[in-house]
C-alpha atoms as a PDB file:
ATOM      1  CA  UNK A   1      99.498  88.649 113.070  1.00  0.00           C
ATOM      2  CA  UNK A   2      96.101  87.444 111.827  1.00  0.00           C
ATOM      3  CA  UNK A   3      95.472  87.980 108.055  1.00  0.00           C
ATOM      4  CA  UNK A   4      93.661  91.391 107.970  1.00  0.00           C
ATOM      5  CA  UNK A   5      90.507  91.883 106.615  1.00  0.00           C
ATOM      6  CA  UNK A   6      87.908  94.505 106.560  1.00  0.00           C
ATOM      7  CA  UNK A   7      84.378  94.064 108.385  1.00  0.00           C
ATOM      8  CA  UNK A   8      83.893  93.487 111.844  1.00  0.00           C
ATOM      9  CA  UNK A   9      85.938  95.749 114.494  1.00  0.00           C
ATOM     10  CA  UNK A  10      86.127  95.800 118.323  1.00  0.00           C
ATOM     11  CA  UNK A  11      83.314  97.713 119.885  1.00  0.00           C
ATOM     12  CA  UNK A  12      85.853  99.712 121.774  1.00  0.00           C
ATOM     13  CA  UNK A  13      87.389 100.772 118.611  1.00  0.00           C
ATOM     14  CA  UNK A  14      84.226 102.054 117.233  1.00  0.00           C
ATOM     15  CA  UNK A  15      83.539 103.849 120.124  1.00  0.00           C
ATOM     16  CA  UNK A  16      86.611 105.657 120.243  1.00  0.00           C
ATOM     17  CA  UNK A  17      86.446 106.456 116.735  1.00  0.00           C
ATOM     18  CA  UNK A  18      83.327 108.197 116.959  1.00  0.00           C
ATOM     19  CA  UNK A  19      84.536 110.367 119.882  1.00  0.00           C
ATOM     20  CA  UNK A  20      87.897 111.027 117.751  1.00  0.00           C
ATOM     21  CA  UNK A  21      86.134 112.087 114.644  1.00  0.00           C
ATOM     22  CA  UNK A  22      83.479 114.440 116.344  1.00  0.00           C
ATOM     23  CA  UNK A  23      86.086 115.875 118.441  1.00  0.00           C
ATOM     24  CA  UNK A  24      88.192 116.766 115.127  1.00  0.00           C
ATOM     25  CA  UNK A  25      85.290 118.120 113.451  1.00  0.00           C
ATOM     26  CA  UNK A  26      84.595 120.496 116.393  1.00  0.00           C
ATOM     27  CA  UNK A  27      87.867 121.770 116.418  1.00  0.00           C
ATOM     28  CA  UNK A  28      88.878 122.024 112.993  1.00  0.00           C
ATOM     29  CA  UNK A  29      90.101 125.289 111.798  1.00  0.00           C
ATOM     30  CA  UNK A  30      91.046 126.855 108.300  1.00  0.00           C
ATOM     31  CA  UNK A  31      95.053 126.639 107.967  1.00  0.00           C
ATOM     32  CA  UNK A  32      97.290 129.678 107.606  1.00  0.00           C
ATOM     33  CA  UNK A  33      98.603 129.633 103.972  1.00  0.00           C
ATOM     34  CA  UNK A  34     101.757 131.009 102.955  1.00  0.00           C
ATOM     35  CA  UNK A  35     103.473 130.971  99.341  1.00  0.00           C
ATOM     36  CA  UNK A  36     106.857 129.526  99.299  1.00  0.00           C
ATOM     37  CA  UNK A  37     108.179 132.585  97.165  1.00  0.00           C
ATOM     38  CA  UNK A  38     107.138 134.922 100.103  1.00  0.00           C
ATOM     39  CA  UNK A  39     109.593 132.998 102.273  1.00  0.00           C
ATOM     40  CA  UNK A  40     112.392 133.126  99.855  1.00  0.00           C
ATOM     41  CA  UNK A  41     112.026 135.193  96.568  1.00  0.00           C
ATOM     42  CA  UNK A  42     114.370 132.895  94.861  1.00  0.00           C
ATOM     43  CA  UNK A  43     111.571 130.008  94.529  1.00  0.00           C
ATOM     44  CA  UNK A  44     109.810 130.272  91.461  1.00  0.00           C
ATOM     45  CA  UNK A  45     108.314 126.812  90.701  1.00  0.00           C
ATOM     46  CA  UNK A  46     106.384 124.492  92.995  1.00  0.00           C
ATOM     47  CA  UNK A  47     104.910 127.518  94.574  1.00  0.00           C
ATOM     48  CA  UNK A  48     101.458 126.514  95.707  1.00  0.00           C
ATOM     49  CA  UNK A  49     100.990 127.762  99.349  1.00  0.00           C
ATOM     50  CA  UNK A  50     102.314 125.847 102.153  1.00  0.00           C
ATOM     51  CA  UNK A  51      99.387 124.973 104.958  1.00  0.00           C
ATOM     52  CA  UNK A  52      99.897 125.678 108.625  1.00  0.00           C
ATOM     53  CA  UNK A  53      97.827 124.842 111.458  1.00  0.00           C
ATOM     54  CA  UNK A  54      98.198 125.870 114.952  1.00  0.00           C
ATOM     55  CA  UNK A  55      97.431 123.331 117.827  1.00  0.00           C
ATOM     56  CA  UNK A  56      93.651 123.041 118.658  1.00  0.00           C
ATOM     57  CA  UNK A  57      94.368 120.764 121.827  1.00  0.00           C
ATOM     58  CA  UNK A  58      97.028 121.021 124.755  1.00  0.00           C
ATOM     59  CA  UNK A  59     100.376 122.195 122.913  1.00  0.00           C
ATOM     60  CA  UNK A  60     102.615 119.302 122.879  1.00  0.00           C
ATOM     61  CA  UNK A  61     105.530 121.571 121.726  1.00  0.00           C
ATOM     62  CA  UNK A  62     106.204 119.530 118.681  1.00  0.00           C
ATOM     63  CA  UNK A  63     105.610 120.236 115.008  1.00  0.00           C
ATOM     64  CA  UNK A  64     104.193 117.685 112.393  1.00  0.00           C
ATOM     65  CA  UNK A  65     105.981 118.235 108.930  1.00  0.00           C
ATOM     66  CA  UNK A  66     103.438 116.584 106.570  1.00  0.00           C
ATOM     67  CA  UNK A  67     105.188 115.749 102.960  1.00  0.00           C
ATOM     68  CA  UNK A  68     102.497 115.043  99.949  1.00  0.00           C
ATOM     69  CA  UNK A  69     102.970 112.426  97.481  1.00  0.00           C
ATOM     70  CA  UNK A  70     104.172 112.665  93.875  1.00  0.00           C
ATOM     71  CA  UNK A  71     102.003 115.633  92.525  1.00  0.00           C
ATOM     72  CA  UNK A  72     100.192 116.287  95.774  1.00  0.00           C
ATOM     73  CA  UNK A  73      99.295 119.379  97.235  1.00  0.00           C
ATOM     74  CA  UNK A  74      99.825 120.754 100.758  1.00  0.00           C
ATOM     75  CA  UNK A  75      95.712 121.637 100.744  1.00  0.00           C
ATOM     76  CA  UNK A  76      95.273 117.881 100.866  1.00  0.00           C
ATOM     77  CA  UNK A  77      94.618 115.557 104.073  1.00  0.00           C
ATOM     78  CA  UNK A  78      93.211 118.296 106.154  1.00  0.00           C
ATOM     79  CA  UNK A  79      91.295 115.641 108.073  1.00  0.00           C
ATOM     80  CA  UNK A  80      94.793 114.105 109.077  1.00  0.00           C
ATOM     81  CA  UNK A  81      96.256 117.574 109.777  1.00  0.00           C
ATOM     82  CA  UNK A  82      93.349 118.528 111.868  1.00  0.00           C
ATOM     83  CA  UNK A  83      93.666 115.558 113.769  1.00  0.00           C
ATOM     84  CA  UNK A  84      97.258 116.083 114.574  1.00  0.00           C
ATOM     85  CA  UNK A  85      96.535 119.806 115.618  1.00  0.00           C
ATOM     86  CA  UNK A  86      93.627 118.223 117.722  1.00  0.00           C
ATOM     87  CA  UNK A  87      96.580 116.085 119.633  1.00  0.00           C
ATOM     88  CA  UNK A  88      98.605 119.336 120.392  1.00  0.00           C
ATOM     89  CA  UNK A  89     100.812 119.514 117.340  1.00  0.00           C
ATOM     90  CA  UNK A  90     101.854 122.586 115.360  1.00  0.00           C
ATOM     91  CA  UNK A  91     101.221 121.482 111.803  1.00  0.00           C
ATOM     92  CA  UNK A  92     102.827 122.249 108.339  1.00  0.00           C
ATOM     93  CA  UNK A  93     101.736 120.611 105.150  1.00  0.00           C
ATOM     94  CA  UNK A  94     104.793 121.683 102.848  1.00  0.00           C
ATOM     95  CA  UNK A  95     105.023 122.369  99.008  1.00  0.00           C
ATOM     96  CA  UNK A  96     108.265 121.041  97.466  1.00  0.00           C
ATOM     97  CA  UNK A  97     109.388 119.824  94.273  1.00  0.00           C
ATOM     98  CA  UNK A  98     107.310 116.808  94.111  1.00  0.00           C
ATOM     99  CA  UNK A  99     106.623 116.047  90.366  1.00  0.00           C
ATOM    100  CA  UNK A 100     109.085 113.099  90.109  1.00  0.00           C
ATOM    101  CA  UNK A 101     108.734 109.630  91.880  1.00  0.00           C
ATOM    102  CA  UNK A 102     111.756 108.327  93.129  1.00  0.00           C
ATOM    103  CA  UNK A 103     110.656 104.646  92.279  1.00  0.00           C
ATOM    104  CA  UNK A 104     109.799 105.607  88.742  1.00  0.00           C
ATOM    105  CA  UNK A 105     113.396 107.093  87.934  1.00  0.00           C
ATOM    106  CA  UNK A 106     115.322 104.639  89.952  1.00  0.00           C
ATOM    107  CA  UNK A 107     113.389 101.655  90.202  1.00  0.00           C
ATOM    108  CA  UNK A 108     115.466  99.638  87.164  1.00  0.00           C
ATOM    109  CA  UNK A 109     118.986 101.541  88.061  1.00  0.00           C
ATOM    110  CA  UNK A 110     122.167  99.505  88.295  1.00  0.00           C
ATOM    111  CA  UNK A 111     123.122 101.558  91.048  1.00  0.00           C
ATOM    112  CA  UNK A 112     121.782 100.171  94.514  1.00  0.00           C
ATOM    113  CA  UNK A 113     122.322 103.917  96.003  1.00  0.00           C
ATOM    114  CA  UNK A 114     119.936 105.521  93.151  1.00  0.00           C
ATOM    115  CA  UNK A 115     117.018 106.137  95.422  1.00  0.00           C
ATOM    116  CA  UNK A 116     118.651 107.279  98.239  1.00  0.00           C
ATOM    117  CA  UNK A 117     120.625 109.928  96.075  1.00  0.00           C
ATOM    118  CA  UNK A 118     117.425 111.010  94.438  1.00  0.00           C
ATOM    119  CA  UNK A 119     115.793 111.608  97.690  1.00  0.00           C
ATOM    120  CA  UNK A 120     118.711 113.158  99.126  1.00  0.00           C
ATOM    121  CA  UNK A 121     118.779 115.575  96.328  1.00  0.00           C
ATOM    122  CA  UNK A 122     115.256 117.008  96.930  1.00  0.00           C
ATOM    123  CA  UNK A 123     115.554 116.950 100.630  1.00  0.00           C
ATOM    124  CA  UNK A 124     118.753 118.748 100.977  1.00  0.00           C
ATOM    125  CA  UNK A 125     119.619 120.153  97.181  1.00  0.00           C
ATOM    126  CA  UNK A 126     121.500 118.327  94.441  1.00  0.00           C
ATOM    127  CA  UNK A 127     121.278 116.399  91.408  1.00  0.00           C
ATOM    128  CA  UNK A 128     118.350 114.348  91.357  1.00  0.00           C
ATOM    129  CA  UNK A 129     118.845 113.147  87.858  1.00  0.00           C
ATOM    130  CA  UNK A 130     121.869 113.755  85.203  1.00  0.00           C
ATOM    131  CA  UNK A 131     119.637 116.615  83.851  1.00  0.00           C
ATOM    132  CA  UNK A 132     117.681 117.606  86.876  1.00  0.00           C
ATOM    133  CA  UNK A 133     119.137 119.692  89.569  1.00  0.00           C
ATOM    134  CA  UNK A 134     117.303 120.926  92.840  1.00  0.00           C
ATOM    135  CA  UNK A 135     118.818 124.051  94.109  1.00  0.00           C
ATOM    136  CA  UNK A 136     119.544 124.264  97.851  1.00  0.00           C
ATOM    137  CA  UNK A 137     117.110 126.825  98.442  1.00  0.00           C
ATOM    138  CA  UNK A 138     114.295 124.613  96.687  1.00  0.00           C
ATOM    139  CA  UNK A 139     115.056 121.731  98.878  1.00  0.00           C
ATOM    140  CA  UNK A 140     112.671 120.471 101.465  1.00  0.00           C
ATOM    141  CA  UNK A 141     115.118 121.406 104.251  1.00  0.00           C
ATOM    142  CA  UNK A 142     115.419 125.039 103.266  1.00  0.00           C
ATOM    143  CA  UNK A 143     111.706 125.488 102.550  1.00  0.00           C
ATOM    144  CA  UNK A 144     110.905 124.278 105.757  1.00  0.00           C
ATOM    145  CA  UNK A 145     113.524 126.407 107.704  1.00  0.00           C
ATOM    146  CA  UNK A 146     112.415 129.632 105.476  1.00  0.00           C
ATOM    147  CA  UNK A 147     109.045 129.062 106.318  1.00  0.00           C
ATOM    148  CA  UNK A 148     109.620 128.485 109.993  1.00  0.00           C
ATOM    149  CA  UNK A 149     111.604 131.923 110.024  1.00  0.00           C
ATOM    150  CA  UNK A 150     108.755 133.903 107.952  1.00  0.00           C
ATOM    151  CA  UNK A 151     106.191 132.402 110.619  1.00  0.00           C
ATOM    152  CA  UNK A 152     108.202 133.457 113.673  1.00  0.00           C
ATOM    153  CA  UNK A 153     108.115 136.905 112.028  1.00  0.00           C
ATOM    154  CA  UNK A 154     104.781 137.013 110.919  1.00  0.00           C
ATOM    155  CA  UNK A 155     103.145 135.475 114.049  1.00  0.00           C
ATOM    156  CA  UNK A 156     105.466 135.912 116.860  1.00  0.00           C
ATOM    157  CA  UNK A 157     103.224 134.762 119.565  1.00  0.00           C
ATOM    158  CA  UNK A 158     102.087 131.429 117.925  1.00  0.00           C
ATOM    159  CA  UNK A 159     105.228 129.253 118.810  1.00  0.00           C
ATOM    160  CA  UNK A 160     106.925 128.730 115.621  1.00  0.00           C
ATOM    161  CA  UNK A 161     110.050 130.050 116.827  1.00  0.00           C
ATOM    162  CA  UNK A 162     110.263 126.747 119.151  1.00  0.00           C
ATOM    163  CA  UNK A 163     111.122 124.775 115.936  1.00  0.00           C
ATOM    164  CA  UNK A 164     114.533 126.587 115.269  1.00  0.00           C
ATOM    165  CA  UNK A 165     117.348 126.061 116.911  1.00  0.00           C
ATOM    166  CA  UNK A 166     119.708 128.927 118.108  1.00  0.00           C
ATOM    167  CA  UNK A 167     121.458 129.390 114.979  1.00  0.00           C
ATOM    168  CA  UNK A 168     118.529 129.676 112.993  1.00  0.00           C
ATOM    169  CA  UNK A 169     118.308 125.981 111.464  1.00  0.00           C
ATOM    170  CA  UNK A 170     115.542 123.440 112.048  1.00  0.00           C
ATOM    171  CA  UNK A 171     115.097 122.032 115.492  1.00  0.00           C
ATOM    172  CA  UNK A 172     114.714 118.296 114.515  1.00  0.00           C
ATOM    173  CA  UNK A 173     114.376 117.039 117.871  1.00  0.00           C
ATOM    174  CA  UNK A 174     110.777 118.781 118.260  1.00  0.00           C
ATOM    175  CA  UNK A 175     109.788 117.562 114.490  1.00  0.00           C
ATOM    176  CA  UNK A 176     107.492 114.675 113.554  1.00  0.00           C
ATOM    177  CA  UNK A 177     108.348 113.962 110.089  1.00  0.00           C
ATOM    178  CA  UNK A 178     105.332 112.397 108.026  1.00  0.00           C
ATOM    179  CA  UNK A 179     104.225 111.931 104.339  1.00  0.00           C
ATOM    180  CA  UNK A 180     102.210 110.039 101.761  1.00  0.00           C
ATOM    181  CA  UNK A 181     103.797 107.637  99.162  1.00  0.00           C
ATOM    182  CA  UNK A 182     106.601 109.518  97.895  1.00  0.00           C
ATOM    183  CA  UNK A 183     106.346 111.991 100.893  1.00  0.00           C
ATOM    184  CA  UNK A 184     106.540 108.763 103.478  1.00  0.00           C
ATOM    185  CA  UNK A 185     109.697 108.059 101.535  1.00  0.00           C
ATOM    186  CA  UNK A 186     111.277 111.549 101.932  1.00  0.00           C
ATOM    187  CA  UNK A 187     110.336 111.072 105.823  1.00  0.00           C
ATOM    188  CA  UNK A 188     112.156 108.107 106.369  1.00  0.00           C
ATOM    189  CA  UNK A 189     115.428 109.642 104.691  1.00  0.00           C
ATOM    190  CA  UNK A 190     115.183 112.744 106.842  1.00  0.00           C
ATOM    191  CA  UNK A 191     114.821 110.704 109.927  1.00  0.00           C
ATOM    192  CA  UNK A 192     117.932 108.770 108.779  1.00  0.00           C
ATOM    193  CA  UNK A 193     120.048 111.755 109.051  1.00  0.00           C
ATOM    194  CA  UNK A 194     118.254 113.670 111.850  1.00  0.00           C
ATOM    195  CA  UNK A 195     117.286 112.601 115.113  1.00  0.00           C
ATOM    196  CA  UNK A 196     113.598 113.504 114.964  1.00  0.00           C
ATOM    197  CA  UNK A 197     110.522 112.969 117.270  1.00  0.00           C
ATOM    198  CA  UNK A 198     108.781 110.395 115.429  1.00  0.00           C
ATOM    199  CA  UNK A 199     108.023 109.047 111.733  1.00  0.00           C
ATOM    200  CA  UNK A 200     104.579 108.601 110.312  1.00  0.00           C
ATOM    201  CA  UNK A 201     104.201 107.060 106.707  1.00  0.00           C
ATOM    202  CA  UNK A 202     101.406 106.380 104.620  1.00  0.00           C
ATOM    203  CA  UNK A 203     101.023 104.053 101.799  1.00  0.00           C
ATOM    204  CA  UNK A 204     105.040 104.041 102.049  1.00  0.00           C
ATOM    205  CA  UNK A 205     107.653 103.094 101.091  1.00  0.00           C
ATOM    206  CA  UNK A 206     107.268 102.422  97.579  1.00  0.00           C
ATOM    207  CA  UNK A 207     110.944 102.349  96.854  1.00  0.00           C
ATOM    208  CA  UNK A 208     112.143  98.732  95.426  1.00  0.00           C
ATOM    209  CA  UNK A 209     115.050  98.019  92.970  1.00  0.00           C
ATOM    210  CA  UNK A 210     113.446  95.484  90.252  1.00  0.00           C
ATOM    211  CA  UNK A 211     116.912  95.235  88.729  1.00  0.00           C
ATOM    212  CA  UNK A 212     118.585  94.301  91.558  1.00  0.00           C
ATOM    213  CA  UNK A 213     115.647  92.550  92.909  1.00  0.00           C
ATOM    214  CA  UNK A 214     115.712  93.923  96.489  1.00  0.00           C
ATOM    215  CA  UNK A 215     115.132  96.884  98.244  1.00  0.00           C
ATOM    216  CA  UNK A 216     117.461  99.877  97.593  1.00  0.00           C
ATOM    217  CA  UNK A 217     120.126 101.086  99.997  1.00  0.00           C
ATOM    218  CA  UNK A 218     119.427 103.724 102.559  1.00  0.00           C
ATOM    219  CA  UNK A 219     116.343 102.053 103.776  1.00  0.00           C
ATOM    220  CA  UNK A 220     117.817 100.416 106.662  1.00  0.00           C
ATOM    221  CA  UNK A 221     118.001 100.266 110.569  1.00  0.00           C
ATOM    222  CA  UNK A 222     121.165 102.801 110.438  1.00  0.00           C
ATOM    223  CA  UNK A 223     119.515 105.889 111.303  1.00  0.00           C
ATOM    224  CA  UNK A 224     119.979 108.854 113.616  1.00  0.00           C
ATOM    225  CA  UNK A 225     116.393 108.313 114.880  1.00  0.00           C
ATOM    226  CA  UNK A 226     115.633 105.240 116.945  1.00  0.00           C
ATOM    227  CA  UNK A 227     113.491 102.751 115.055  1.00  0.00           C
ATOM    228  CA  UNK A 228     110.925 102.613 117.914  1.00  0.00           C
ATOM    229  CA  UNK A 229     109.933 106.022 116.575  1.00  0.00           C
ATOM    230  CA  UNK A 230     108.850 104.977 113.166  1.00  0.00           C
ATOM    231  CA  UNK A 231     105.196 103.953 112.178  1.00  0.00           C
ATOM    232  CA  UNK A 232     103.670 103.102 108.857  1.00  0.00           C
ATOM    233  CA  UNK A 233     100.274 102.542 107.676  1.00  0.00           C
ATOM    234  CA  UNK A 234      99.453 100.640 104.400  1.00  0.00           C
ATOM    235  CA  UNK A 235      96.723  98.659 102.447  1.00  0.00           C
ATOM    236  CA  UNK A 236      97.300  94.929 101.882  1.00  0.00           C
ATOM    237  CA  UNK A 237      96.104  95.465  98.438  1.00  0.00           C
ATOM    238  CA  UNK A 238      98.228  98.308  97.303  1.00  0.00           C
ATOM    239  CA  UNK A 239     100.301  96.698  94.646  1.00  0.00           C
ATOM    240  CA  UNK A 240     101.014  99.814  92.442  1.00  0.00           C
ATOM    241  CA  UNK A 241     102.420 103.078  92.562  1.00  0.00           C
ATOM    242  CA  UNK A 242     105.867 101.575  92.404  1.00  0.00           C
ATOM    243  CA  UNK A 243     105.958  98.074  93.938  1.00  0.00           C
ATOM    244  CA  UNK A 244     103.682  95.248  95.314  1.00  0.00           C
ATOM    245  CA  UNK A 245     102.663  95.072  98.977  1.00  0.00           C
ATOM    246  CA  UNK A 246     105.007  92.140  99.383  1.00  0.00           C
ATOM    247  CA  UNK A 247     107.853  94.155  98.078  1.00  0.00           C
ATOM    248  CA  UNK A 248     106.973  97.039 100.267  1.00  0.00           C
ATOM    249  CA  UNK A 249     106.996  94.646 103.229  1.00  0.00           C
ATOM    250  CA  UNK A 250     110.575  93.364 102.228  1.00  0.00           C
ATOM    251  CA  UNK A 251     111.616  96.968 102.550  1.00  0.00           C
ATOM    252  CA  UNK A 252     110.316  97.313 105.912  1.00  0.00           C
ATOM    253  CA  UNK A 253     112.049  93.966 107.000  1.00  0.00           C
ATOM    254  CA  UNK A 254     115.355  95.658 105.715  1.00  0.00           C
ATOM    255  CA  UNK A 255     114.569  98.681 107.857  1.00  0.00           C
ATOM    256  CA  UNK A 256     113.904  96.526 110.889  1.00  0.00           C
ATOM    257  CA  UNK A 257     110.436  97.684 111.503  1.00  0.00           C
ATOM    258  CA  UNK A 258     108.713  94.397 111.068  1.00  0.00           C
ATOM    259  CA  UNK A 259     110.746  92.912 113.854  1.00  0.00           C
ATOM    260  CA  UNK A 260     108.962  95.572 115.886  1.00  0.00           C
ATOM    261  CA  UNK A 261     105.554  94.435 115.126  1.00  0.00           C
ATOM    262  CA  UNK A 262     102.914  93.918 112.520  1.00  0.00           C
ATOM    263  CA  UNK A 263      98.984  94.537 113.373  1.00  0.00           C
ATOM    264  CA  UNK A 264      95.862  93.917 111.804  1.00  0.00           C
ATOM    265  CA  UNK A 265      94.536  97.702 111.744  1.00  0.00           C
ATOM    266  CA  UNK A 266      90.786  96.535 111.140  1.00  0.00           C
ATOM    267  CA  UNK A 267      90.574  93.974 114.152  1.00  0.00           C
ATOM    268  CA  UNK A 268      92.759  94.985 116.838  1.00  0.00           C
ATOM    269  CA  UNK A 269      92.149  97.716 119.659  1.00  0.00           C
ATOM    270  CA  UNK A 270      93.385 101.350 120.065  1.00  0.00           C
ATOM    271  CA  UNK A 271      96.895 100.638 121.121  1.00  0.00           C
ATOM    272  CA  UNK A 272      97.673  97.725 118.149  1.00  0.00           C
ATOM    273  CA  UNK A 273      99.671  95.754 120.355  1.00  0.00           C
ATOM    274  CA  UNK A 274     102.246  98.567 120.280  1.00  0.00           C
ATOM    275  CA  UNK A 275     103.028  97.531 116.608  1.00  0.00           C
ATOM    276  CA  UNK A 276     104.961  99.663 114.025  1.00  0.00           C
ATOM    277  CA  UNK A 277     103.775  98.440 110.746  1.00  0.00           C
ATOM    278  CA  UNK A 278      99.867  98.818 110.814  1.00  0.00           C
ATOM    279  CA  UNK A 279      97.809  97.184 107.697  1.00  0.00           C
ATOM    280  CA  UNK A 280      94.336  97.456 106.785  1.00  0.00           C
ATOM    281  CA  UNK A 281      92.358  95.083 104.173  1.00  0.00           C
ATOM    282  CA  UNK A 282      89.066  97.156 104.479  1.00  0.00           C
ATOM    283  CA  UNK A 283      87.268  98.274 101.384  1.00  0.00           C
ATOM    284  CA  UNK A 284      88.074 101.648 100.548  1.00  0.00           C
ATOM    285  CA  UNK A 285      85.167 104.270 100.294  1.00  0.00           C
ATOM    286  CA  UNK A 286      87.375 106.509  98.186  1.00  0.00           C
ATOM    287  CA  UNK A 287      91.117 107.280  97.138  1.00  0.00           C
ATOM    288  CA  UNK A 288      91.719 103.554  96.292  1.00  0.00           C
ATOM    289  CA  UNK A 289      94.005 101.032  97.864  1.00  0.00           C
ATOM    290  CA  UNK A 290      97.084 103.259  97.922  1.00  0.00           C
ATOM    291  CA  UNK A 291      95.180 106.449  99.252  1.00  0.00           C
ATOM    292  CA  UNK A 292      93.566 104.506 101.573  1.00  0.00           C
ATOM    293  CA  UNK A 293      95.527 105.461 104.800  1.00  0.00           C
ATOM    294  CA  UNK A 294      94.541 109.034 104.191  1.00  0.00           C
ATOM    295  CA  UNK A 295      91.768 109.046 101.835  1.00  0.00           C
ATOM    296  CA  UNK A 296      89.383 106.422 102.334  1.00  0.00           C
ATOM    297  CA  UNK A 297      87.150 108.137 104.990  1.00  0.00           C
ATOM    298  CA  UNK A 298      86.918 104.736 106.898  1.00  0.00           C
ATOM    299  CA  UNK A 299      86.201 104.627 110.630  1.00  0.00           C
ATOM    300  CA  UNK A 300      89.532 102.791 111.250  1.00  0.00           C
ATOM    301  CA  UNK A 301      91.814 105.776 110.088  1.00  0.00           C
ATOM    302  CA  UNK A 302      91.399 108.264 112.811  1.00  0.00           C
ATOM    303  CA  UNK A 303      92.091 105.394 115.386  1.00  0.00           C
ATOM    304  CA  UNK A 304      95.279 104.502 113.739  1.00  0.00           C
ATOM    305  CA  UNK A 305      96.146 108.139 113.205  1.00  0.00           C
ATOM    306  CA  UNK A 306      95.820 108.840 116.775  1.00  0.00           C
ATOM    307  CA  UNK A 307      98.003 105.580 117.694  1.00  0.00           C
ATOM    308  CA  UNK A 308     100.753 106.690 115.358  1.00  0.00           C
ATOM    309  CA  UNK A 309     100.604 110.542 116.744  1.00  0.00           C
ATOM    310  CA  UNK A 310     100.612 109.946 120.423  1.00  0.00           C
ATOM    311  CA  UNK A 311     102.020 106.487 120.937  1.00  0.00           C
ATOM    312  CA  UNK A 312     104.747 106.649 123.723  1.00  0.00           C
ATOM    313  CA  UNK A 313     108.249 106.503 122.069  1.00  0.00           C
ATOM    314  CA  UNK A 314     111.902 105.789 123.587  1.00  0.00           C
END
């Protein structure tokens, strides 16, 4: 891989970007917003609305689940959600208990499983910390299942039922899990235990054990989802929000993703050499280095999003 750098890009990338951006704007639509408490009256906290989009392009019969980062809100990342809808996805940006960062709470733990335990508590319910318990109905999985059930009743002709199995649970094979920062870490762990359609992470993973000086357990190649379905997009100078870029790459090596290819997102073509780790060094217009993959507004981003959303997977 060449060292990522901003500036010059291939003419084909620029042409494609212009088409992709204009198409997304032409098909943009306001999402349907649903309060978590409307799907389950037991929910009291983290009750800002979920955001839900229908496909604006040919239906690919897959749902993109997006998980915001620490302190994030489902109303963010509209451009990415609209892009996914344009490429045929149903899209849900989910509100969940996201005020605690796994890295902040577990980065100096003597337990190599601390990050994994923390994330599983938020994903499934359980003890995230000694004095903080996530009720099962407040977990990511329960909130998603209740939302899909609610949408199926509210909008029976909109195709949401397809993402529930015959028992009323989540049809994970039809779900692409994605997320920013902490949300990306949750997406990785969800895909570790469920066979999902694909995994897309941005500014993630940021999990690293400073006390043990290595990536934490759980971020490895032992996963229910084939590694060929994982894609991540990060910035070379993202050295905050939990760990450095070099430590982030160490975690990606432990997962086995680096072996599947690393691409310079700023200078390679639309297929990025079929790489699964994409890195930019472009100057962000906004959002800083950590938020670059979703907030920067730079032309390279829609090209990377399109690749991550639509690249053939095994």
